[in-house]
């Protein structure tokens, strides 16, 4: 692995850690895709409401 590839990987790990710590969920199929406040997010985190509290599960 080149040093540039190591930088890319480190940045991906930093992004994931930051987004998860902020309450987002990650998409298993797309490493760059994160969700917050969606129905999928509510199901995964156990929230009863989503989309800014407007919709209920």
PDB file of N, CA and C in Angstrom:
ATOM      1  N   UNK A   1       0.851  -1.177   0.000  1.00  0.00           N
ATOM      2  CA  UNK A   1       0.000   0.000   0.000  1.00  0.00           C
ATOM      3  C   UNK A   1       0.898   1.242   0.000  1.00  0.00           C
ATOM      4  N   UNK A   2       0.573   2.172  -0.883  1.00  0.00           N
ATOM      5  CA  UNK A   2       1.379   3.400  -0.962  1.00  0.00           C
ATOM      6  C   UNK A   2       1.024   4.350   0.172  1.00  0.00           C
ATOM      7  N   UNK A   3       1.872   5.335   0.378  1.00  0.00           N
ATOM      8  CA  UNK A   3       1.592   6.306   1.445  1.00  0.00           C
ATOM      9  C   UNK A   3       0.324   7.102   1.137  1.00  0.00           C
ATOM     10  N   UNK A   4       0.044   7.333  -0.136  1.00  0.00           N
ATOM     11  CA  UNK A   4      -1.181   8.030  -0.517  1.00  0.00           C
ATOM     12  C   UNK A   4      -2.412   7.184  -0.178  1.00  0.00           C
ATOM     13  N   UNK A   5      -2.333   5.890  -0.413  1.00  0.00           N
ATOM     14  CA  UNK A   5      -3.433   4.991  -0.047  1.00  0.00           C
ATOM     15  C   UNK A   5      -3.641   4.960   1.463  1.00  0.00           C
ATOM     16  N   UNK A   6      -2.571   5.010   2.221  1.00  0.00           N
ATOM     17  CA  UNK A   6      -2.675   5.066   3.681  1.00  0.00           C
ATOM     18  C   UNK A   6      -3.381   6.339   4.131  1.00  0.00           C
ATOM     19  N   UNK A   7      -3.104   7.436   3.459  1.00  0.00           N
ATOM     20  CA  UNK A   7      -3.773   8.703   3.785  1.00  0.00           C
ATOM     21  C   UNK A   7      -5.263   8.599   3.480  1.00  0.00           C
ATOM     22  N   UNK A   8      -5.604   8.022   2.321  1.00  0.00           N
ATOM     23  CA  UNK A   8      -7.020   7.845   1.963  1.00  0.00           C
ATOM     24  C   UNK A   8      -7.740   7.003   3.014  1.00  0.00           C
ATOM     25  N   UNK A   9      -7.133   5.901   3.403  1.00  0.00           N
ATOM     26  CA  UNK A   9      -7.742   5.008   4.384  1.00  0.00           C
ATOM     27  C   UNK A   9      -7.900   5.701   5.739  1.00  0.00           C
ATOM     28  N   UNK A  10      -6.892   6.431   6.151  1.00  0.00           N
ATOM     29  CA  UNK A  10      -6.962   7.158   7.425  1.00  0.00           C
ATOM     30  C   UNK A  10      -8.079   8.200   7.382  1.00  0.00           C
ATOM     31  N   UNK A  11      -8.226   8.874   6.250  1.00  0.00           N
ATOM     32  CA  UNK A  11      -9.289   9.872   6.124  1.00  0.00           C
ATOM     33  C   UNK A  11     -10.671   9.228   6.139  1.00  0.00           C
ATOM     34  N   UNK A  12     -10.817   8.063   5.503  1.00  0.00           N
ATOM     35  CA  UNK A  12     -12.088   7.339   5.536  1.00  0.00           C
ATOM     36  C   UNK A  12     -12.445   6.941   6.954  1.00  0.00           C
ATOM     37  N   UNK A  13     -11.455   6.458   7.696  1.00  0.00           N
ATOM     38  CA  UNK A  13     -11.683   6.061   9.091  1.00  0.00           C
ATOM     39  C   UNK A  13     -12.055   7.267   9.940  1.00  0.00           C
ATOM     40  N   UNK A  14     -11.407   8.400   9.709  1.00  0.00           N
ATOM     41  CA  UNK A  14     -11.726   9.625  10.433  1.00  0.00           C
ATOM     42  C   UNK A  14     -13.154  10.074  10.128  1.00  0.00           C
ATOM     43  N   UNK A  15     -13.541  10.036   8.855  1.00  0.00           N
ATOM     44  CA  UNK A  15     -14.900  10.409   8.473  1.00  0.00           C
ATOM     45  C   UNK A  15     -15.923   9.511   9.153  1.00  0.00           C
ATOM     46  N   UNK A  16     -15.699   8.196   9.112  1.00  0.00           N
ATOM     47  CA  UNK A  16     -16.649   7.257   9.710  1.00  0.00           C
ATOM     48  C   UNK A  16     -16.772   7.483  11.215  1.00  0.00           C
ATOM     49  N   UNK A  17     -15.652   7.606  11.894  1.00  0.00           N
ATOM     50  CA  UNK A  17     -15.661   7.818  13.340  1.00  0.00           C
ATOM     51  C   UNK A  17     -16.400   9.114  13.688  1.00  0.00           C
ATOM     52  N   UNK A  18     -16.130  10.163  12.936  1.00  0.00           N
ATOM     53  CA  UNK A  18     -16.757  11.457  13.184  1.00  0.00           C
ATOM     54  C   UNK A  18     -18.267  11.396  12.958  1.00  0.00           C
ATOM     55  N   UNK A  19     -18.684  10.799  11.848  1.00  0.00           N
ATOM     56  CA  UNK A  19     -20.108  10.727  11.525  1.00  0.00           C
ATOM     57  C   UNK A  19     -20.858   9.853  12.537  1.00  0.00           C
ATOM     58  N   UNK A  20     -20.298   8.717  12.912  1.00  0.00           N
ATOM     59  CA  UNK A  20     -20.955   7.849  13.882  1.00  0.00           C
ATOM     60  C   UNK A  20     -21.036   8.519  15.251  1.00  0.00           C
ATOM     61  N   UNK A  21     -19.994   9.226  15.648  1.00  0.00           N
ATOM     62  CA  UNK A  21     -20.012   9.942  16.926  1.00  0.00           C
ATOM     63  C   UNK A  21     -21.039  11.075  16.936  1.00  0.00           C
ATOM     64  N   UNK A  22     -21.369  11.596  15.757  1.00  0.00           N
ATOM     65  CA  UNK A  22     -22.364  12.663  15.647  1.00  0.00           C
ATOM     66  C   UNK A  22     -23.791  12.116  15.562  1.00  0.00           C
ATOM     67  N   UNK A  23     -23.934  10.782  15.569  1.00  0.00           N
ATOM     68  CA  UNK A  23     -25.265  10.187  15.571  1.00  0.00           C
ATOM     69  C   UNK A  23     -25.764   9.690  14.230  1.00  0.00           C
ATOM     70  N   UNK A  24     -24.957   9.811  13.193  1.00  0.00           N
ATOM     71  CA  UNK A  24     -25.345   9.305  11.883  1.00  0.00           C
ATOM     72  C   UNK A  24     -25.188   7.785  11.850  1.00  0.00           C
ATOM     73  N   UNK A  25     -25.812   7.141  10.882  1.00  0.00           N
ATOM     74  CA  UNK A  25     -25.571   5.723  10.639  1.00  0.00           C
ATOM     75  C   UNK A  25     -24.899   5.600   9.275  1.00  0.00           C
ATOM     76  N   UNK A  26     -24.139   4.534   9.098  1.00  0.00           N
ATOM     77  CA  UNK A  26     -23.456   4.340   7.820  1.00  0.00           C
ATOM     78  C   UNK A  26     -24.220   3.349   6.962  1.00  0.00           C
ATOM     79  N   UNK A  27     -24.025   3.474   5.670  1.00  0.00           N
ATOM     80  CA  UNK A  27     -24.621   2.569   4.701  1.00  0.00           C
ATOM     81  C   UNK A  27     -23.597   1.493   4.380  1.00  0.00           C
ATOM     82  N   UNK A  28     -23.981   0.247   4.552  1.00  0.00           N
ATOM     83  CA  UNK A  28     -23.047  -0.871   4.353  1.00  0.00           C
ATOM     84  C   UNK A  28     -22.549  -0.972   2.912  1.00  0.00           C
ATOM     85  N   UNK A  29     -23.409  -0.600   1.956  1.00  0.00           N
ATOM     86  CA  UNK A  29     -23.050  -0.749   0.540  1.00  0.00           C
ATOM     87  C   UNK A  29     -22.261   0.432  -0.016  1.00  0.00           C
ATOM     88  N   UNK A  30     -22.327   1.586   0.631  1.00  0.00           N
ATOM     89  CA  UNK A  30     -21.650   2.785   0.155  1.00  0.00           C
ATOM     90  C   UNK A  30     -20.932   3.452   1.323  1.00  0.00           C
ATOM     91  N   UNK A  31     -19.623   3.299   1.419  1.00  0.00           N
ATOM     92  CA  UNK A  31     -18.879   3.787   2.574  1.00  0.00           C
ATOM     93  C   UNK A  31     -19.018   5.294   2.750  1.00  0.00           C
ATOM     94  N   UNK A  32     -19.319   6.030   1.691  1.00  0.00           N
ATOM     95  CA  UNK A  32     -19.408   7.492   1.761  1.00  0.00           C
ATOM     96  C   UNK A  32     -20.809   7.990   2.108  1.00  0.00           C
ATOM     97  N   UNK A  33     -21.775   7.083   2.251  1.00  0.00           N
ATOM     98  CA  UNK A  33     -23.170   7.463   2.451  1.00  0.00           C
ATOM     99  C   UNK A  33     -23.549   7.311   3.925  1.00  0.00           C
ATOM    100  N   UNK A  34     -24.025   8.396   4.530  1.00  0.00           N
ATOM    101  CA  UNK A  34     -24.465   8.397   5.924  1.00  0.00           C
ATOM    102  C   UNK A  34     -25.878   8.950   5.992  1.00  0.00           C
ATOM    103  N   UNK A  35     -26.635   8.533   7.003  1.00  0.00           N
ATOM    104  CA  UNK A  35     -28.014   8.984   7.159  1.00  0.00           C
ATOM    105  C   UNK A  35     -28.263   9.457   8.579  1.00  0.00           C
ATOM    106  N   UNK A  36     -29.168  10.412   8.679  1.00  0.00           N
ATOM    107  CA  UNK A  36     -29.600  10.897   9.983  1.00  0.00           C
ATOM    108  C   UNK A  36     -31.036  11.384   9.844  1.00  0.00           C
ATOM    109  N   UNK A  37     -31.903  10.927  10.722  1.00  0.00           N
ATOM    110  CA  UNK A  37     -33.284  11.382  10.707  1.00  0.00           C
ATOM    111  C   UNK A  37     -34.177  10.691   9.706  1.00  0.00           C
ATOM    112  N   UNK A  38     -33.674   9.663   9.040  1.00  0.00           N
ATOM    113  CA  UNK A  38     -34.480   8.916   8.076  1.00  0.00           C
ATOM    114  C   UNK A  38     -35.155   7.733   8.773  1.00  0.00           C
ATOM    115  N   UNK A  39     -36.041   7.061   8.069  1.00  0.00           N
ATOM    116  CA  UNK A  39     -36.706   5.891   8.632  1.00  0.00           C
ATOM    117  C   UNK A  39     -35.687   4.786   8.943  1.00  0.00           C
ATOM    118  N   UNK A  40     -34.723   4.586   8.058  1.00  0.00           N
ATOM    119  CA  UNK A  40     -33.667   3.591   8.308  1.00  0.00           C
ATOM    120  C   UNK A  40     -32.880   3.931   9.558  1.00  0.00           C
ATOM    121  N   UNK A  41     -32.556   5.201   9.710  1.00  0.00           N
ATOM    122  CA  UNK A  41     -31.835   5.667  10.894  1.00  0.00           C
ATOM    123  C   UNK A  41     -32.646   5.383  12.147  1.00  0.00           C
ATOM    124  N   UNK A  42     -33.962   5.719  12.128  1.00  0.00           N
ATOM    125  CA  UNK A  42     -34.829   5.511  13.292  1.00  0.00           C
ATOM    126  C   UNK A  42     -34.896   4.038  13.669  1.00  0.00           C
ATOM    127  N   UNK A  43     -35.020   3.168  12.672  1.00  0.00           N
ATOM    128  CA  UNK A  43     -35.061   1.731  12.941  1.00  0.00           C
ATOM    129  C   UNK A  43     -33.769   1.242  13.573  1.00  0.00           C
ATOM    130  N   UNK A  44     -32.647   1.712  13.058  1.00  0.00           N
ATOM    131  CA  UNK A  44     -31.356   1.238  13.556  1.00  0.00           C
ATOM    132  C   UNK A  44     -31.053   1.744  14.966  1.00  0.00           C
ATOM    133  N   UNK A  45     -31.409   2.987  15.268  1.00  0.00           N
ATOM    134  CA  UNK A  45     -31.088   3.544  16.591  1.00  0.00           C
ATOM    135  C   UNK A  45     -32.219   3.361  17.590  1.00  0.00           C
ATOM    136  N   UNK A  46     -33.355   2.830  17.134  1.00  0.00           N
ATOM    137  CA  UNK A  46     -34.471   2.579  18.034  1.00  0.00           C
ATOM    138  C   UNK A  46     -35.322   3.803  18.336  1.00  0.00           C
ATOM    139  N   UNK A  47     -35.258   4.810  17.462  1.00  0.00           N
ATOM    140  CA  UNK A  47     -36.070   6.012  17.664  1.00  0.00           C
ATOM    141  C   UNK A  47     -37.511   5.746  17.229  1.00  0.00           C
ATOM    142  N   UNK A  48     -38.445   6.321  17.919  1.00  0.00           N
ATOM    143  CA  UNK A  48     -39.852   6.144  17.569  1.00  0.00           C
ATOM    144  C   UNK A  48     -40.311   7.174  16.530  1.00  0.00           C
ATOM    145  N   UNK A  49     -39.570   8.276  16.414  1.00  0.00           N
ATOM    146  CA  UNK A  49     -39.905   9.316  15.443  1.00  0.00           C
ATOM    147  C   UNK A  49     -38.690   9.604  14.569  1.00  0.00           C
ATOM    148  N   UNK A  50     -38.972  10.086  13.366  1.00  0.00           N
ATOM    149  CA  UNK A  50     -37.887  10.455  12.468  1.00  0.00           C
ATOM    150  C   UNK A  50     -38.316  11.652  11.623  1.00  0.00           C
ATOM    151  N   UNK A  51     -37.449  12.131  10.787  1.00  0.00           N
ATOM    152  CA  UNK A  51     -37.658  13.322   9.975  1.00  0.00           C
ATOM    153  C   UNK A  51     -38.075  14.498  10.846  1.00  0.00           C
ATOM    154  N   UNK A  52     -37.169  14.883  11.738  1.00  0.00           N
ATOM    155  CA  UNK A  52     -37.354  16.024  12.645  1.00  0.00           C
ATOM    156  C   UNK A  52     -38.564  15.836  13.564  1.00  0.00           C
ATOM    157  N   UNK A  53     -38.894  14.587  13.880  1.00  0.00           N
ATOM    158  CA  UNK A  53     -39.990  14.305  14.802  1.00  0.00           C
ATOM    159  C   UNK A  53     -41.365  14.376  14.182  1.00  0.00           C
ATOM    160  N   UNK A  54     -41.427  14.597  12.892  1.00  0.00           N
ATOM    161  CA  UNK A  54     -42.722  14.733  12.217  1.00  0.00           C
ATOM    162  C   UNK A  54     -43.383  13.386  11.979  1.00  0.00           C
ATOM    163  N   UNK A  55     -42.612  12.385  11.612  1.00  0.00           N
ATOM    164  CA  UNK A  55     -43.150  11.069  11.272  1.00  0.00           C
ATOM    165  C   UNK A  55     -42.879  10.072  12.389  1.00  0.00           C
ATOM    166  N   UNK A  56     -43.787   9.153  12.573  1.00  0.00           N
ATOM    167  CA  UNK A  56     -43.629   8.118  13.594  1.00  0.00           C
ATOM    168  C   UNK A  56     -43.566   6.744  12.941  1.00  0.00           C
ATOM    169  N   UNK A  57     -42.875   5.858  13.616  1.00  0.00           N
ATOM    170  CA  UNK A  57     -42.756   4.486  13.130  1.00  0.00           C
ATOM    171  C   UNK A  57     -43.983   3.713  13.541  1.00  0.00           C
TER     172      UNK A  57
END
